All heavy atoms as atom14 arrays in JSON, in Angstrom:
{
  "sequence": "AISNPAFEYWFLLHFTKTDASFSDYNDLEKVLKTHMANY",
  "atom14_mask": [
    [1, 1, 1, 1, 1, 0, 0, 0, 0, 0, 0, 0, 0, 0],
    [1, 1, 1, 1, 1, 1, 1, 1, 0, 0, 0, 0, 0, 0],
    [1, 1, 1, 1, 1, 1, 0, 0, 0, 0, 0, 0, 0, 0],
    [1, 1, 1, 1, 1, 1, 1, 1, 0, 0, 0, 0, 0, 0],
    [1, 1, 1, 1, 1, 1, 1, 0, 0, 0, 0, 0, 0, 0],
    [1, 1, 1, 1, 1, 0, 0, 0, 0, 0, 0, 0, 0, 0],
    [1, 1, 1, 1, 1, 1, 1, 1, 1, 1, 1, 0, 0, 0],
    [1, 1, 1, 1, 1, 1, 1, 1, 1, 0, 0, 0, 0, 0],
    [1, 1, 1, 1, 1, 1, 1, 1, 1, 1, 1, 1, 0, 0],
    [1, 1, 1, 1, 1, 1, 1, 1, 1, 1, 1, 1, 1, 1],
    [1, 1, 1, 1, 1, 1, 1, 1, 1, 1, 1, 0, 0, 0],
    [1, 1, 1, 1, 1, 1, 1, 1, 0, 0, 0, 0, 0, 0],
    [1, 1, 1, 1, 1, 1, 1, 1, 0, 0, 0, 0, 0, 0],
    [1, 1, 1, 1, 1, 1, 1, 1, 1, 1, 0, 0, 0, 0],
    [1, 1, 1, 1, 1, 1, 1, 1, 1, 1, 1, 0, 0, 0],
    [1, 1, 1, 1, 1, 1, 1, 0, 0, 0, 0, 0, 0, 0],
    [1, 1, 1, 1, 1, 1, 1, 1, 1, 0, 0, 0, 0, 0],
    [1, 1, 1, 1, 1, 1, 1, 0, 0, 0, 0, 0, 0, 0],
    [1, 1, 1, 1, 1, 1, 1, 1, 0, 0, 0, 0, 0, 0],
    [1, 1, 1, 1, 1, 0, 0, 0, 0, 0, 0, 0, 0, 0],
    [1, 1, 1, 1, 1, 1, 0, 0, 0, 0, 0, 0, 0, 0],
    [1, 1, 1, 1, 1, 1, 1, 1, 1, 1, 1, 0, 0, 0],
    [1, 1, 1, 1, 1, 1, 0, 0, 0, 0, 0, 0, 0, 0],
    [1, 1, 1, 1, 1, 1, 1, 1, 0, 0, 0, 0, 0, 0],
    [1, 1, 1, 1, 1, 1, 1, 1, 1, 1, 1, 1, 0, 0],
    [1, 1, 1, 1, 1, 1, 1, 1, 0, 0, 0, 0, 0, 0],
    [1, 1, 1, 1, 1, 1, 1, 1, 0, 0, 0, 0, 0, 0],
    [1, 1, 1, 1, 1, 1, 1, 1, 0, 0, 0, 0, 0, 0],
    [1, 1, 1, 1, 1, 1, 1, 1, 1, 0, 0, 0, 0, 0],
    [1, 1, 1, 1, 1, 1, 1, 1, 1, 0, 0, 0, 0, 0],
    [1, 1, 1, 1, 1, 1, 1, 0, 0, 0, 0, 0, 0, 0],
    [1, 1, 1, 1, 1, 1, 1, 1, 0, 0, 0, 0, 0, 0],
    [1, 1, 1, 1, 1, 1, 1, 1, 1, 0, 0, 0, 0, 0],
    [1, 1, 1, 1, 1, 1, 1, 0, 0, 0, 0, 0, 0, 0],
    [1, 1, 1, 1, 1, 1, 1, 1, 1, 1, 0, 0, 0, 0],
    [1, 1, 1, 1, 1, 1, 1, 1, 0, 0, 0, 0, 0, 0],
    [1, 1, 1, 1, 1, 0, 0, 0, 0, 0, 0, 0, 0, 0],
    [1, 1, 1, 1, 1, 1, 1, 1, 0, 0, 0, 0, 0, 0],
    [1, 1, 1, 1, 1, 1, 1, 1, 1, 1, 1, 1, 0, 0]
  ],
  "atom14_positions": [
    [[61.38, 164.48, -170.21], [60.12, 164.03, -170.98], [59.12, 165.27, -171.04], [58.19, 165.27, -170.2], [59.47, 162.78, -170.34], [0.0, 0.0, 0.0], [0.0, 0.0, 0.0], [0.0, 0.0, 0.0], [0.0, 0.0, 0.0], [0.0, 0.0, 0.0], [0.0, 0.0, 0.0], [0.0, 0.0, 0.0], [0.0, 0.0, 0.0], [0.0, 0.0, 0.0]],
    [[59.35, 166.19, -171.92], [58.61, 167.44, -171.96], [57.54, 167.22, -173.04], [57.83, 166.67, -174.08], [59.56, 168.58, -172.25], [60.59, 168.78, -171.09], [58.71, 169.93, -172.46], [61.57, 169.86, -171.36], [0.0, 0.0, 0.0], [0.0, 0.0, 0.0], [0.0, 0.0, 0.0], [0.0, 0.0, 0.0], [0.0, 0.0, 0.0], [0.0, 0.0, 0.0]],
    [[56.39, 167.79, -172.75], [55.28, 167.9, -173.78], [54.95, 169.36, -173.98], [54.92, 170.17, -173.04], [54.09, 167.18, -173.23], [54.33, 165.8, -173.0], [0.0, 0.0, 0.0], [0.0, 0.0, 0.0], [0.0, 0.0, 0.0], [0.0, 0.0, 0.0], [0.0, 0.0, 0.0], [0.0, 0.0, 0.0], [0.0, 0.0, 0.0], [0.0, 0.0, 0.0]],
    [[54.59, 169.74, -175.2], [54.24, 171.0, -175.51], [52.87, 170.98, -176.37], [52.88, 170.33, -177.39], [55.32, 171.67, -176.48], [54.96, 173.18, -176.75], [54.05, 173.74, -176.3], [55.77, 173.7, -177.62], [0.0, 0.0, 0.0], [0.0, 0.0, 0.0], [0.0, 0.0, 0.0], [0.0, 0.0, 0.0], [0.0, 0.0, 0.0], [0.0, 0.0, 0.0]],
    [[51.79, 171.51, -175.95], [51.78, 172.54, -174.84], [51.41, 171.88, -173.5], [51.62, 172.39, -172.47], [50.59, 173.4, -175.26], [49.67, 172.53, -175.93], [50.57, 171.57, -176.66], [0.0, 0.0, 0.0], [0.0, 0.0, 0.0], [0.0, 0.0, 0.0], [0.0, 0.0, 0.0], [0.0, 0.0, 0.0], [0.0, 0.0, 0.0], [0.0, 0.0, 0.0]],
    [[50.87, 170.6, -173.54], [50.49, 170.01, -172.25], [50.79, 168.45, -172.38], [50.82, 167.86, -173.39], [49.0, 170.23, -172.01], [0.0, 0.0, 0.0], [0.0, 0.0, 0.0], [0.0, 0.0, 0.0], [0.0, 0.0, 0.0], [0.0, 0.0, 0.0], [0.0, 0.0, 0.0], [0.0, 0.0, 0.0], [0.0, 0.0, 0.0], [0.0, 0.0, 0.0]],
    [[50.89, 167.87, -171.18], [51.11, 166.39, -171.08], [50.03, 165.69, -171.8], [50.36, 164.57, -172.34], [51.18, 166.0, -169.63], [51.55, 164.6, -169.4], [52.74, 164.1, -169.37], [50.49, 163.65, -169.16], [53.06, 162.77, -169.31], [50.75, 162.31, -169.04], [52.05, 161.86, -169.07], [0.0, 0.0, 0.0], [0.0, 0.0, 0.0], [0.0, 0.0, 0.0]],
    [[48.91, 166.17, -171.83], [47.72, 165.44, -172.42], [47.91, 165.2, -173.91], [47.2, 164.37, -174.5], [46.45, 166.27, -172.12], [45.9, 166.11, -170.68], [46.65, 166.93, -169.72], [47.45, 167.69, -170.05], [46.38, 166.75, -168.49], [0.0, 0.0, 0.0], [0.0, 0.0, 0.0], [0.0, 0.0, 0.0], [0.0, 0.0, 0.0], [0.0, 0.0, 0.0]],
    [[48.83, 165.95, -174.5], [49.07, 165.6, -175.89], [49.56, 164.13, -176.06], [49.27, 163.41, -176.99], [50.15, 166.51, -176.48], [50.56, 166.23, -177.95], [49.61, 166.33, -178.95], [51.94, 165.79, -178.29], [49.97, 166.1, -180.29], [52.24, 165.59, -179.58], [51.28, 165.69, -180.59], [51.65, 165.41, -181.9], [0.0, 0.0, 0.0], [0.0, 0.0, 0.0]],
    [[50.41, 163.55, -175.05], [50.76, 162.24, -175.03], [49.55, 161.3, -174.97], [49.39, 160.29, -175.74], [51.67, 161.92, -173.85], [51.85, 160.51, -173.61], [51.47, 159.84, -172.33], [52.53, 159.53, -174.25], [51.79, 158.56, -172.43], [52.43, 158.25, -173.62], [53.16, 159.61, -175.56], [53.05, 157.09, -174.1], [53.7, 158.4, -176.0], [53.65, 157.22, -175.33]],
    [[48.51, 161.71, -174.22], [47.23, 160.87, -174.11], [46.59, 160.95, -175.49], [46.09, 159.79, -175.97], [46.3, 161.42, -173.08], [46.82, 161.26, -171.58], [46.22, 162.08, -170.64], [47.77, 160.41, -171.32], [46.64, 161.86, -169.36], [48.2, 160.2, -169.95], [47.6, 160.99, -169.02], [0.0, 0.0, 0.0], [0.0, 0.0, 0.0], [0.0, 0.0, 0.0]],
    [[46.48, 162.06, -176.12], [45.78, 162.24, -177.37], [46.42, 161.26, -178.43], [45.75, 160.71, -179.3], [45.87, 163.66, -177.86], [45.15, 163.96, -179.23], [43.72, 163.58, -179.15], [45.36, 165.4, -179.57], [0.0, 0.0, 0.0], [0.0, 0.0, 0.0], [0.0, 0.0, 0.0], [0.0, 0.0, 0.0], [0.0, 0.0, 0.0], [0.0, 0.0, 0.0]],
    [[47.74, 161.14, -178.42], [48.47, 160.32, -179.42], [48.08, 158.87, -179.28], [48.45, 158.04, -180.16], [49.94, 160.63, -179.32], [50.46, 161.92, -179.71], [51.91, 162.13, -179.53], [50.03, 162.22, -181.19], [0.0, 0.0, 0.0], [0.0, 0.0, 0.0], [0.0, 0.0, 0.0], [0.0, 0.0, 0.0], [0.0, 0.0, 0.0], [0.0, 0.0, 0.0]],
    [[47.52, 158.48, -178.24], [46.98, 157.12, -178.04], [45.76, 156.75, -178.98], [45.46, 155.65, -179.19], [46.59, 156.72, -176.63], [47.72, 156.66, -175.72], [48.51, 157.73, -175.29], [48.23, 155.52, -175.1], [49.4, 157.32, -174.52], [49.29, 156.01, -174.26], [0.0, 0.0, 0.0], [0.0, 0.0, 0.0], [0.0, 0.0, 0.0], [0.0, 0.0, 0.0]],
    [[45.15, 157.87, -179.44], [43.86, 157.71, -180.27], [44.08, 158.27, -181.71], [43.34, 157.68, -182.58], [42.72, 158.53, -179.62], [42.48, 158.07, -178.2], [42.98, 158.77, -177.1], [41.68, 156.95, -178.0], [42.79, 158.38, -175.81], [41.54, 156.47, -176.66], [42.02, 157.23, -175.61], [0.0, 0.0, 0.0], [0.0, 0.0, 0.0], [0.0, 0.0, 0.0]],
    [[44.98, 159.2, -181.9], [45.11, 159.7, -183.29], [46.49, 160.33, -183.44], [47.17, 160.74, -182.52], [44.06, 160.87, -183.47], [44.04, 161.3, -184.77], [44.23, 162.06, -182.56], [0.0, 0.0, 0.0], [0.0, 0.0, 0.0], [0.0, 0.0, 0.0], [0.0, 0.0, 0.0], [0.0, 0.0, 0.0], [0.0, 0.0, 0.0], [0.0, 0.0, 0.0]],
    [[46.98, 160.28, -184.65], [48.16, 160.89, -185.01], [47.93, 162.35, -185.5], [47.27, 162.52, -186.53], [48.88, 160.1, -186.13], [50.2, 160.61, -186.56], [50.68, 159.71, -187.7], [52.19, 159.53, -187.51], [52.61, 158.57, -188.62], [0.0, 0.0, 0.0], [0.0, 0.0, 0.0], [0.0, 0.0, 0.0], [0.0, 0.0, 0.0], [0.0, 0.0, 0.0]],
    [[48.28, 163.32, -184.77], [48.04, 164.76, -185.09], [49.26, 165.54, -184.82], [49.85, 165.42, -183.87], [46.81, 165.31, -184.4], [46.63, 166.6, -184.91], [46.92, 165.28, -182.9], [0.0, 0.0, 0.0], [0.0, 0.0, 0.0], [0.0, 0.0, 0.0], [0.0, 0.0, 0.0], [0.0, 0.0, 0.0], [0.0, 0.0, 0.0], [0.0, 0.0, 0.0]],
    [[49.57, 166.45, -185.82], [50.57, 167.45, -185.56], [50.0, 168.85, -185.57], [50.76, 169.84, -185.74], [51.76, 167.19, -186.58], [51.22, 167.36, -188.01], [50.06, 167.65, -188.25], [52.15, 167.27, -188.89], [0.0, 0.0, 0.0], [0.0, 0.0, 0.0], [0.0, 0.0, 0.0], [0.0, 0.0, 0.0], [0.0, 0.0, 0.0], [0.0, 0.0, 0.0]],
    [[48.67, 168.89, -185.46], [48.08, 170.25, -185.34], [48.48, 170.94, -184.08], [48.47, 170.3, -183.01], [46.55, 170.07, -185.39], [0.0, 0.0, 0.0], [0.0, 0.0, 0.0], [0.0, 0.0, 0.0], [0.0, 0.0, 0.0], [0.0, 0.0, 0.0], [0.0, 0.0, 0.0], [0.0, 0.0, 0.0], [0.0, 0.0, 0.0], [0.0, 0.0, 0.0]],
    [[48.84, 172.12, -184.19], [49.38, 172.86, -183.01], [48.1, 173.27, -182.15], [46.94, 173.39, -182.57], [50.1, 174.17, -183.32], [49.34, 175.1, -184.08], [0.0, 0.0, 0.0], [0.0, 0.0, 0.0], [0.0, 0.0, 0.0], [0.0, 0.0, 0.0], [0.0, 0.0, 0.0], [0.0, 0.0, 0.0], [0.0, 0.0, 0.0], [0.0, 0.0, 0.0]],
    [[48.4, 173.46, -180.83], [47.29, 173.81, -179.86], [47.72, 175.13, -179.15], [48.86, 175.26, -178.75], [47.2, 172.7, -178.82], [46.73, 171.43, -179.44], [47.72, 170.45, -179.76], [45.44, 171.14, -179.79], [47.36, 169.27, -180.3], [45.01, 169.93, -180.3], [46.01, 168.98, -180.56], [0.0, 0.0, 0.0], [0.0, 0.0, 0.0], [0.0, 0.0, 0.0]],
    [[46.77, 175.99, -179.04], [47.07, 177.37, -178.35], [47.39, 177.21, -176.89], [48.22, 177.92, -176.45], [46.03, 178.31, -178.66], [44.67, 177.75, -178.1], [0.0, 0.0, 0.0], [0.0, 0.0, 0.0], [0.0, 0.0, 0.0], [0.0, 0.0, 0.0], [0.0, 0.0, 0.0], [0.0, 0.0, 0.0], [0.0, 0.0, 0.0], [0.0, 0.0, 0.0]],
    [[46.76, 176.16, -176.29], [46.96, 176.01, -174.88], [46.31, 174.64, -174.43], [45.81, 173.91, -175.3], [46.44, 177.12, -174.07], [45.0, 177.42, -174.25], [44.19, 176.53, -174.77], [44.46, 178.46, -173.88], [0.0, 0.0, 0.0], [0.0, 0.0, 0.0], [0.0, 0.0, 0.0], [0.0, 0.0, 0.0], [0.0, 0.0, 0.0], [0.0, 0.0, 0.0]],
    [[46.4, 174.37, -173.13], [45.77, 173.2, -172.62], [44.33, 173.06, -173.02], [43.82, 172.0, -173.37], [45.99, 173.09, -171.14], [45.09, 171.99, -170.45], [45.44, 170.64, -170.58], [43.94, 172.3, -169.8], [44.67, 169.68, -170.06], [43.16, 171.38, -169.29], [43.52, 169.99, -169.46], [42.69, 169.03, -168.98], [0.0, 0.0, 0.0], [0.0, 0.0, 0.0]],
    [[43.57, 174.06, -172.84], [42.12, 174.07, -173.06], [41.87, 173.68, -174.53], [40.82, 172.88, -174.74], [41.45, 175.43, -172.78], [41.54, 175.67, -171.32], [41.48, 174.92, -170.43], [41.7, 176.97, -170.87], [0.0, 0.0, 0.0], [0.0, 0.0, 0.0], [0.0, 0.0, 0.0], [0.0, 0.0, 0.0], [0.0, 0.0, 0.0], [0.0, 0.0, 0.0]],
    [[42.65, 174.13, -175.41], [42.45, 173.77, -176.86], [42.72, 172.35, -177.06], [41.95, 171.61, -177.67], [43.46, 174.73, -177.64], [43.18, 174.61, -179.13], [42.12, 174.35, -179.57], [44.19, 174.89, -179.88], [0.0, 0.0, 0.0], [0.0, 0.0, 0.0], [0.0, 0.0, 0.0], [0.0, 0.0, 0.0], [0.0, 0.0, 0.0], [0.0, 0.0, 0.0]],
    [[43.8, 171.86, -176.45], [44.12, 170.42, -176.56], [43.04, 169.58, -175.82], [42.67, 168.53, -176.41], [45.51, 170.2, -175.81], [45.98, 168.71, -175.74], [46.26, 168.22, -177.13], [47.22, 168.7, -174.95], [0.0, 0.0, 0.0], [0.0, 0.0, 0.0], [0.0, 0.0, 0.0], [0.0, 0.0, 0.0], [0.0, 0.0, 0.0], [0.0, 0.0, 0.0]],
    [[42.54, 169.99, -174.71], [41.57, 169.19, -173.91], [40.43, 168.91, -174.73], [39.72, 167.86, -174.69], [41.21, 169.93, -172.66], [40.27, 169.12, -171.71], [39.87, 169.88, -170.51], [39.54, 171.07, -170.61], [39.72, 169.23, -169.51], [0.0, 0.0, 0.0], [0.0, 0.0, 0.0], [0.0, 0.0, 0.0], [0.0, 0.0, 0.0], [0.0, 0.0, 0.0]],
    [[39.87, 170.0, -175.51], [38.7, 169.8, -176.31], [38.82, 168.69, -177.27], [37.91, 167.84, -177.52], [38.38, 171.08, -177.11], [37.92, 172.22, -176.24], [37.74, 173.51, -177.09], [37.49, 174.69, -176.16], [37.74, 175.96, -176.79], [0.0, 0.0, 0.0], [0.0, 0.0, 0.0], [0.0, 0.0, 0.0], [0.0, 0.0, 0.0], [0.0, 0.0, 0.0]],
    [[40.01, 168.53, -177.87], [40.28, 167.47, -178.88], [40.36, 166.07, -178.05], [39.78, 165.09, -178.55], [41.56, 167.8, -179.79], [41.76, 166.56, -180.62], [41.36, 169.02, -180.39], [0.0, 0.0, 0.0], [0.0, 0.0, 0.0], [0.0, 0.0, 0.0], [0.0, 0.0, 0.0], [0.0, 0.0, 0.0], [0.0, 0.0, 0.0], [0.0, 0.0, 0.0]],
    [[41.09, 166.06, -176.94], [41.19, 164.84, -176.24], [39.82, 164.4, -175.7], [39.63, 163.22, -175.82], [42.12, 165.14, -174.96], [42.34, 163.92, -174.06], [42.94, 162.81, -174.84], [43.17, 164.33, -172.88], [0.0, 0.0, 0.0], [0.0, 0.0, 0.0], [0.0, 0.0, 0.0], [0.0, 0.0, 0.0], [0.0, 0.0, 0.0], [0.0, 0.0, 0.0]],
    [[38.98, 165.23, -175.41], [37.66, 164.88, -174.92], [36.76, 164.21, -175.98], [35.74, 163.59, -175.69], [36.92, 166.06, -174.19], [37.51, 166.19, -172.81], [36.63, 167.14, -171.99], [37.15, 167.11, -170.51], [36.13, 167.8, -169.65], [0.0, 0.0, 0.0], [0.0, 0.0, 0.0], [0.0, 0.0, 0.0], [0.0, 0.0, 0.0], [0.0, 0.0, 0.0]],
    [[37.11, 164.35, -177.28], [36.47, 163.69, -178.34], [36.71, 162.15, -178.21], [35.96, 161.31, -178.83], [36.67, 164.21, -179.71], [38.09, 164.03, -179.99], [36.38, 165.7, -179.86], [0.0, 0.0, 0.0], [0.0, 0.0, 0.0], [0.0, 0.0, 0.0], [0.0, 0.0, 0.0], [0.0, 0.0, 0.0], [0.0, 0.0, 0.0], [0.0, 0.0, 0.0]],
    [[37.79, 161.78, -177.61], [38.23, 160.43, -177.43], [37.99, 159.88, -176.04], [37.79, 158.67, -175.77], [39.7, 160.27, -177.77], [40.06, 160.6, -179.16], [39.72, 159.87, -180.3], [40.59, 161.81, -179.66], [40.09, 160.59, -181.38], [40.64, 161.74, -181.04], [0.0, 0.0, 0.0], [0.0, 0.0, 0.0], [0.0, 0.0, 0.0], [0.0, 0.0, 0.0]],
    [[38.12, 160.82, -175.07], [37.92, 160.46, -173.62], [36.99, 161.56, -173.04], [37.49, 162.5, -172.32], [39.27, 160.53, -172.95], [40.29, 159.47, -173.44], [41.98, 159.73, -172.73], [41.69, 159.14, -171.02], [0.0, 0.0, 0.0], [0.0, 0.0, 0.0], [0.0, 0.0, 0.0], [0.0, 0.0, 0.0], [0.0, 0.0, 0.0], [0.0, 0.0, 0.0]],
    [[35.72, 161.37, -173.28], [34.73, 162.33, -172.97], [34.78, 162.82, -171.57], [34.5, 163.94, -171.19], [33.31, 161.83, -173.28], [0.0, 0.0, 0.0], [0.0, 0.0, 0.0], [0.0, 0.0, 0.0], [0.0, 0.0, 0.0], [0.0, 0.0, 0.0], [0.0, 0.0, 0.0], [0.0, 0.0, 0.0], [0.0, 0.0, 0.0], [0.0, 0.0, 0.0]],
    [[35.01, 161.88, -170.56], [35.0, 162.22, -169.16], [36.37, 162.51, -168.57], [36.55, 162.55, -167.38], [34.45, 161.02, -168.35], [32.99, 160.86, -168.76], [32.29, 161.74, -168.94], [32.55, 159.62, -168.81], [0.0, 0.0, 0.0], [0.0, 0.0, 0.0], [0.0, 0.0, 0.0], [0.0, 0.0, 0.0], [0.0, 0.0, 0.0], [0.0, 0.0, 0.0]],
    [[37.3, 162.83, -169.47], [38.67, 163.11, -168.99], [38.68, 164.31, -168.03], [37.97, 165.31, -168.26], [39.71, 163.46, -170.13], [41.02, 163.75, -169.55], [41.81, 162.75, -169.08], [41.51, 165.1, -169.57], [43.04, 163.06, -168.56], [42.73, 165.42, -169.03], [43.53, 164.38, -168.54], [44.73, 164.72, -168.0], [0.0, 0.0, 0.0], [0.0, 0.0, 0.0]]
  ]
}
């Protein structure tokens, strides 16, 4: 059960459907925090 670039992409998909690529975890985390501010 592999995620690219980070496991948090699975979390993000709970809030939005996105196929935008992410350069790294930090890039993904910024988007995730728009849904889970205190993640």
